[in-house]
């Protein structure tokens, strides 16, 4: 299954499919390799029935796919999957994409209360894996945030023993592809409330049940977020962030790679006489650009904005001090 490293591509595919036109490799041949295209189609085949119940991606042969819709029982309403899809659009490999067309239709149809509830409540340390995520549980937990009501969770612990937990959801963390819920939890098998927030893997959850009990608000969300950032080096996703334009200069072997990479519409690259390449991109946060510079080490240097350059220098100095003291 393809990782959602370029969500804009999937919105591009969906725009064509929703116009009753087939999708084929020739549409993106100048941006990605054929293998990636087939991975994209495999991902869409899995995603569509969840995001648009009754829809399926059917092959027309010769590498062409067409959208088909069937009438009948809806396994999962569009509104239920919308919060996770919005979160997925914000947790791409690094870069933000305009959520237009297909997503705008869903937002206009169902509203954005769920989306606002996620503001400052989703963290990530790497690309999320939607195939490890249970959207129905995620939706109920988001609704708990919207309604400010505790939710009763049935789950299995590491030993496979069934447990129950009364939870006040606070924030979600995607750490190395695994989703976690962090909040104020009260375990049925442990008397009393803990003095620190509880963390639980979403994949261990078997059932979520809404309750009529209001939130206790014992822990400050800002302090919980700060602790996650310091512990996991994570970044908070903001609903509707304003993209920041950054310019990165790549050297050596990195040049060919970045010139073949398609991060988002509107990106631009320029080769320099010395063989380096200046790549202009939009990012959600400077943290995202620092992630990319960290991947390429000495083969990349940020040029702008000035605050990115300063953060990069500070990080490089920290690494140098650590290496020198080893």
Protein backbone atom coordinates (compact mmCIF):
# COMPACT_ATOMS: atom_id res chain seq x y z
CA UNK A 1 0.00 0.00 0.00
CA UNK A 2 1.34 3.40 -0.95
CA UNK A 3 2.03 5.87 1.81
CA UNK A 4 0.26 9.24 1.49
CA UNK A 5 3.46 11.08 0.63
CA UNK A 6 1.71 13.35 -1.89
CA UNK A 7 -1.95 13.78 -1.02
CA UNK A 8 -2.30 16.42 -3.73
CA UNK A 9 -1.85 13.64 -6.29
CA UNK A 10 -4.85 11.81 -4.88
CA UNK A 11 -7.02 14.92 -5.02
CA UNK A 12 -5.85 15.31 -8.63
CA UNK A 13 -6.92 11.73 -9.41
CA UNK A 14 -10.26 12.19 -7.65
CA UNK A 15 -11.01 15.37 -9.57
CA UNK A 16 -10.62 13.45 -12.82
CA UNK A 17 -12.61 10.45 -11.61
CA UNK A 18 -15.46 12.62 -10.32
CA UNK A 19 -15.64 14.21 -13.80
CA UNK A 20 -16.39 10.69 -15.13
CA UNK A 21 -13.03 10.49 -16.85
CA UNK A 22 -10.55 7.61 -16.53
CA UNK A 23 -7.22 7.94 -14.76
CA UNK A 24 -4.12 6.64 -16.54
CA UNK A 25 -0.37 6.88 -16.11
CA UNK A 26 0.06 9.41 -18.90
CA UNK A 27 -1.51 12.07 -16.65
CA UNK A 28 1.39 11.96 -14.19
CA UNK A 29 4.18 10.31 -16.20
CA UNK A 30 6.28 13.46 -15.99
CA UNK A 31 6.13 13.46 -12.18
CA UNK A 32 6.29 9.90 -10.86
CA UNK A 33 7.45 6.46 -11.93
CA UNK A 34 5.05 3.80 -13.18
CA UNK A 35 5.48 1.69 -10.04
CA UNK A 36 4.45 4.64 -7.88
CA UNK A 37 1.39 5.16 -10.07
CA UNK A 38 0.27 1.57 -9.57
CA UNK A 39 0.85 1.97 -5.82
CA UNK A 40 -1.33 5.10 -5.94
CA UNK A 41 -4.13 3.19 -7.64
CA UNK A 42 -3.86 0.41 -5.06
CA UNK A 43 -4.14 2.98 -2.29
CA UNK A 44 -7.18 4.59 -3.92
CA UNK A 45 -8.92 1.24 -4.25
CA UNK A 46 -8.61 0.84 -0.48
CA UNK A 47 -9.50 4.44 0.39
CA UNK A 48 -12.52 5.06 -1.82
CA UNK A 49 -15.00 2.62 -0.19
CA UNK A 50 -14.30 4.27 3.17
CA UNK A 51 -14.35 7.88 2.00
CA UNK A 52 -17.23 7.42 -0.46
CA UNK A 53 -19.32 4.34 0.43
CA UNK A 54 -20.66 2.60 -2.63
CA UNK A 55 -17.78 3.86 -4.78
CA UNK A 56 -15.08 1.68 -6.26
CA UNK A 57 -12.13 2.03 -8.60
CA UNK A 58 -12.49 -0.37 -11.52
CA UNK A 59 -9.89 -1.20 -14.15
CA UNK A 60 -10.69 -0.55 -17.79
CA UNK A 61 -7.58 -2.37 -18.93
CA UNK A 62 -4.26 -1.06 -20.24
CA UNK A 63 -3.52 0.83 -17.02
CA UNK A 64 -6.76 2.83 -17.00
CA UNK A 65 -9.15 3.10 -14.02
CA UNK A 66 -12.65 4.55 -13.73
CA UNK A 67 -14.82 5.51 -10.77
CA UNK A 68 -18.01 3.50 -10.31
CA UNK A 69 -20.72 4.10 -7.71
CA UNK A 70 -23.19 1.54 -6.44
CA UNK A 71 -26.41 2.15 -4.53
CA UNK A 72 -27.13 0.36 -1.27
CA UNK A 73 -26.25 0.30 2.39
CA UNK A 74 -23.50 2.69 3.44
CA UNK A 75 -20.91 1.02 5.61
CA UNK A 76 -19.41 4.30 6.76
CA UNK A 77 -20.91 7.74 6.14
CA UNK A 78 -18.80 10.37 4.39
CA UNK A 79 -19.16 12.65 7.40
CA UNK A 80 -17.69 9.96 9.66
CA UNK A 81 -14.59 9.53 7.55
CA UNK A 82 -14.12 13.24 6.91
CA UNK A 83 -12.16 14.06 10.11
CA UNK A 84 -9.60 11.32 9.45
CA UNK A 85 -9.30 12.24 5.78
CA UNK A 86 -8.72 15.87 6.73
CA UNK A 87 -6.10 14.79 9.22
CA UNK A 88 -4.47 12.60 6.58
CA UNK A 89 -4.31 15.56 4.20
CA UNK A 90 -2.45 17.48 6.89
CA UNK A 91 -0.06 14.66 7.76
CA UNK A 92 1.52 14.15 4.39
CA UNK A 93 5.16 13.25 4.14
CA UNK A 94 6.18 16.88 4.65
CA UNK A 95 4.19 19.35 2.66
CA UNK A 96 0.75 20.98 2.68
CA UNK A 97 -1.71 20.71 -0.18
CA UNK A 98 -4.80 22.81 -0.93
CA UNK A 99 -7.77 20.72 0.09
CA UNK A 100 -10.11 21.64 -2.76
CA UNK A 101 -12.65 19.99 -5.00
CA UNK A 102 -13.61 16.67 -3.49
CA UNK A 103 -12.75 17.65 0.10
CA UNK A 104 -14.46 21.04 -0.23
CA UNK A 105 -17.63 19.27 -1.31
CA UNK A 106 -17.58 17.13 1.83
CA UNK A 107 -16.88 20.11 4.09
CA UNK A 108 -19.67 22.18 2.55
CA UNK A 109 -22.07 19.25 2.86
CA UNK A 110 -21.31 18.20 6.40
CA UNK A 111 -19.78 21.22 8.10
CA UNK A 112 -16.49 21.56 9.93
CA UNK A 113 -17.21 21.15 13.64
CA UNK A 114 -15.25 17.90 13.69
CA UNK A 115 -12.36 19.56 11.90
CA UNK A 116 -12.17 22.46 14.32
CA UNK A 117 -12.16 20.00 17.21
CA UNK A 118 -8.91 18.56 15.85
CA UNK A 119 -7.06 21.87 15.92
CA UNK A 120 -3.80 21.42 17.87
CA UNK A 121 -4.81 17.86 18.71
CA UNK A 122 -2.96 15.77 16.11
CA UNK A 123 0.81 15.26 16.28
CA UNK A 124 3.06 13.28 14.00
CA UNK A 125 6.69 12.20 13.91
CA UNK A 126 6.59 10.52 10.48
CA UNK A 127 4.17 9.70 7.68
CA UNK A 128 0.93 8.15 9.04
CA UNK A 129 -0.24 4.81 7.71
CA UNK A 130 -4.01 4.88 7.12
CA UNK A 131 -4.15 1.10 6.79
CA UNK A 132 -3.27 0.84 10.49
CA UNK A 133 -6.02 3.24 11.46
CA UNK A 134 -9.60 2.46 12.48
CA UNK A 135 -11.73 5.37 11.23
CA UNK A 136 -14.84 4.34 13.12
CA UNK A 137 -13.04 4.56 16.48
CA UNK A 138 -11.33 7.76 15.46
CA UNK A 139 -14.68 9.30 14.57
CA UNK A 140 -16.23 8.47 17.96
CA UNK A 141 -13.22 9.90 19.74
CA UNK A 142 -13.44 13.10 17.69
CA UNK A 143 -17.16 13.32 18.47
CA UNK A 144 -16.21 13.04 22.15
CA UNK A 145 -14.06 16.14 21.66
CA UNK A 146 -16.86 17.97 19.84
CA UNK A 147 -19.49 17.11 22.48
CA UNK A 148 -17.10 17.41 25.46
CA UNK A 149 -18.35 14.06 26.78
CA UNK A 150 -16.27 11.19 28.15
CA UNK A 151 -16.08 8.01 26.08
CA UNK A 152 -15.94 4.44 27.39
CA UNK A 153 -13.23 2.38 25.69
CA UNK A 154 -12.93 -1.41 25.61
CA UNK A 155 -9.43 -2.53 24.62
CA UNK A 156 -6.87 -5.30 24.95
CA UNK A 157 -3.63 -4.72 26.81
CA UNK A 158 -0.23 -6.04 25.72
CA UNK A 159 -1.01 -9.45 27.24
CA UNK A 160 -4.29 -9.65 25.33
CA UNK A 161 -6.43 -9.15 28.46
CA UNK A 162 -9.67 -7.20 27.89
CA UNK A 163 -9.87 -3.96 29.86
CA UNK A 164 -12.13 -0.93 30.09
CA UNK A 165 -11.16 2.73 30.28
CA UNK A 166 -13.21 5.89 30.80
CA UNK A 167 -11.41 8.44 28.67
CA UNK A 168 -11.36 12.18 28.08
CA UNK A 169 -9.61 12.45 24.69
CA UNK A 170 -7.09 15.27 24.47
CA UNK A 171 -4.80 14.72 21.50
CA UNK A 172 -3.71 12.12 18.94
CA UNK A 173 -0.14 11.11 18.11
CA UNK A 174 1.12 9.27 15.03
CA UNK A 175 4.53 7.95 16.00
CA UNK A 176 6.35 5.93 13.31
CA UNK A 177 3.06 4.99 11.66
CA UNK A 178 1.24 3.95 14.86
CA UNK A 179 -1.68 6.04 16.17
CA UNK A 180 -1.96 6.81 19.88
CA UNK A 181 -4.67 8.53 21.92
CA UNK A 182 -3.52 10.72 24.82
CA UNK A 183 -6.02 11.92 27.39
CA UNK A 184 -7.34 11.78 30.94
CA UNK A 185 -8.12 8.12 31.54
CA UNK A 186 -9.72 6.21 34.39
CA UNK A 187 -9.13 2.44 34.33
CA UNK A 188 -11.76 0.15 35.80
CA UNK A 189 -9.08 -2.19 37.18
CA UNK A 190 -7.12 0.64 38.84
CA UNK A 191 -8.75 2.65 41.65
CA UNK A 192 -8.35 6.40 41.51
CA UNK A 193 -7.34 8.82 38.77
CA UNK A 194 -3.72 9.02 37.52
CA UNK A 195 -1.77 12.22 38.03
CA UNK A 196 -0.57 12.21 34.40
CA UNK A 197 -2.39 11.79 31.04
CA UNK A 198 -2.91 8.26 29.74
CA UNK A 199 -1.59 6.99 26.39
CA UNK A 200 -3.15 4.09 24.49
CA UNK A 201 -2.67 2.62 20.99
CA UNK A 202 -5.75 3.02 18.81
CA UNK A 203 -5.14 -0.41 17.31
CA UNK A 204 -5.76 -1.98 20.73
CA UNK A 205 -9.26 -0.46 20.94
CA UNK A 206 -12.10 -2.92 20.33
CA UNK A 207 -15.09 -0.67 21.05
CA UNK A 208 -15.89 2.96 21.89
CA UNK A 209 -19.15 3.91 23.63
CA UNK A 210 -20.26 7.55 24.14
CA UNK A 211 -21.35 8.60 27.64
CA UNK A 212 -23.28 11.53 29.14
CA UNK A 213 -20.44 12.47 31.52
CA UNK A 214 -18.82 15.83 30.83
CA UNK A 215 -15.09 16.47 30.52
CA UNK A 216 -13.15 16.98 33.75
CA UNK A 217 -10.48 19.23 32.15
CA UNK A 218 -7.88 18.23 34.75
CA UNK A 219 -4.89 18.63 32.42
CA UNK A 220 -3.86 21.64 30.36
CA UNK A 221 -3.79 20.86 26.60
CA UNK A 222 -0.86 23.21 25.99
CA UNK A 223 1.31 21.44 28.58
CA UNK A 224 0.35 18.02 27.18
CA UNK A 225 1.31 19.17 23.68
CA UNK A 226 4.61 20.58 24.93
CA UNK A 227 5.41 17.30 26.59
CA UNK A 228 4.70 15.37 23.39
CA UNK A 229 6.95 17.68 21.40
CA UNK A 230 9.82 17.32 23.86
CA UNK A 231 9.41 13.54 24.18
CA UNK A 232 8.78 12.56 20.57
CA UNK A 233 10.08 15.56 18.64
CA UNK A 234 6.62 15.74 17.15
CA UNK A 235 4.88 18.48 15.21
CA UNK A 236 1.31 19.66 15.76
CA UNK A 237 -1.02 19.81 12.79
CA UNK A 238 -3.06 22.99 12.58
CA UNK A 239 -6.41 23.05 10.82
CA UNK A 240 -6.16 25.39 7.83
CA UNK A 241 -2.48 26.38 8.19
CA UNK A 242 -1.04 29.17 6.07
CA UNK A 243 1.75 27.65 3.95
CA UNK A 244 5.26 29.03 4.32
CA UNK A 245 7.49 29.33 1.25
CA UNK A 246 11.01 27.96 1.75
CA UNK A 247 14.02 27.69 -0.55
CA UNK A 248 16.47 24.82 -0.12
CA UNK A 249 19.73 24.34 -2.02
CA UNK A 250 20.71 20.74 -2.75
CA UNK A 251 24.15 19.41 -3.70
CA UNK A 252 25.68 16.23 -5.07
CA UNK A 253 23.56 13.08 -5.26
CA UNK A 254 20.58 14.88 -3.75
CA UNK A 255 20.13 17.07 -6.85
CA UNK A 256 18.87 14.32 -9.15
CA UNK A 257 16.54 12.98 -6.47
CA UNK A 258 14.80 16.24 -5.64
CA UNK A 259 14.43 17.16 -9.30
CA UNK A 260 12.52 13.92 -9.85
CA UNK A 261 10.33 14.43 -6.77
CA UNK A 262 6.89 15.98 -7.01
CA UNK A 263 5.88 17.49 -3.68
CA UNK A 264 3.02 19.82 -4.66
CA UNK A 265 1.65 21.99 -7.43
CA UNK A 266 3.54 25.23 -7.81
CA UNK A 267 6.91 23.90 -6.66
CA UNK A 268 9.88 25.07 -8.70
CA UNK A 269 13.53 24.11 -9.07
CA UNK A 270 16.49 25.85 -10.64
CA UNK A 271 19.87 24.38 -11.55
CA UNK A 272 22.87 26.52 -10.73
CA UNK A 273 26.15 26.76 -12.69
CA UNK A 274 27.98 24.83 -9.94
CA UNK A 275 25.59 21.86 -10.34
CA UNK A 276 23.51 22.56 -7.23
CA UNK A 277 19.74 22.93 -7.35
CA UNK A 278 17.50 25.46 -5.59
CA UNK A 279 14.10 24.00 -4.70
CA UNK A 280 11.21 26.32 -3.77
CA UNK A 281 8.44 24.66 -1.76
CA UNK A 282 5.50 25.44 0.53
CA UNK A 283 5.43 23.86 3.98
CA UNK A 284 2.99 23.79 6.88
CA UNK A 285 5.66 24.67 9.39
CA UNK A 286 9.41 25.25 9.41
CA UNK A 287 9.63 21.98 11.34
CA UNK A 288 8.69 20.22 8.08
CA UNK A 289 11.52 21.87 6.15
CA UNK A 290 13.96 20.95 8.94
CA UNK A 291 12.87 17.33 8.59
CA UNK A 292 13.89 17.38 4.96
CA UNK A 293 17.24 19.04 5.65
CA UNK A 294 17.87 16.39 8.30
CA UNK A 295 17.33 13.62 5.74
CA UNK A 296 19.99 14.98 3.38
CA UNK A 297 22.56 16.22 5.89
CA UNK A 298 25.44 18.09 4.25
CA UNK A 299 23.85 17.78 0.79
CA UNK A 300 21.26 20.46 1.54
CA UNK A 301 21.36 23.99 2.89
CA UNK A 302 18.32 26.22 3.53
CA UNK A 303 18.42 29.66 1.91
CA UNK A 304 15.18 31.25 3.12
CA UNK A 305 13.31 32.37 5.12
CA UNK A 306 15.92 33.70 7.60
CA UNK A 307 14.26 32.02 10.58
CA UNK A 308 14.62 28.63 8.87
CA UNK A 309 18.32 29.27 8.31
CA UNK A 310 18.77 30.16 11.98
CA UNK A 311 16.91 27.06 13.17
CA UNK A 312 18.96 24.89 10.81
CA UNK A 313 22.22 26.38 12.11
CA UNK A 314 21.14 25.82 15.72
CA UNK A 315 20.27 22.20 14.98
CA UNK A 316 23.58 21.66 13.14
CA UNK A 317 25.50 23.12 16.09
CA UNK A 318 23.66 20.80 18.49
CA UNK A 319 24.58 17.78 16.37
CA UNK A 320 28.21 18.95 16.19
CA UNK A 321 28.40 19.38 19.96
CA UNK A 322 26.90 15.95 20.50
CA UNK A 323 29.31 14.33 18.04
CA UNK A 324 32.28 16.15 19.55
CA UNK A 325 31.43 14.95 23.03
CA UNK A 326 31.04 11.30 22.05
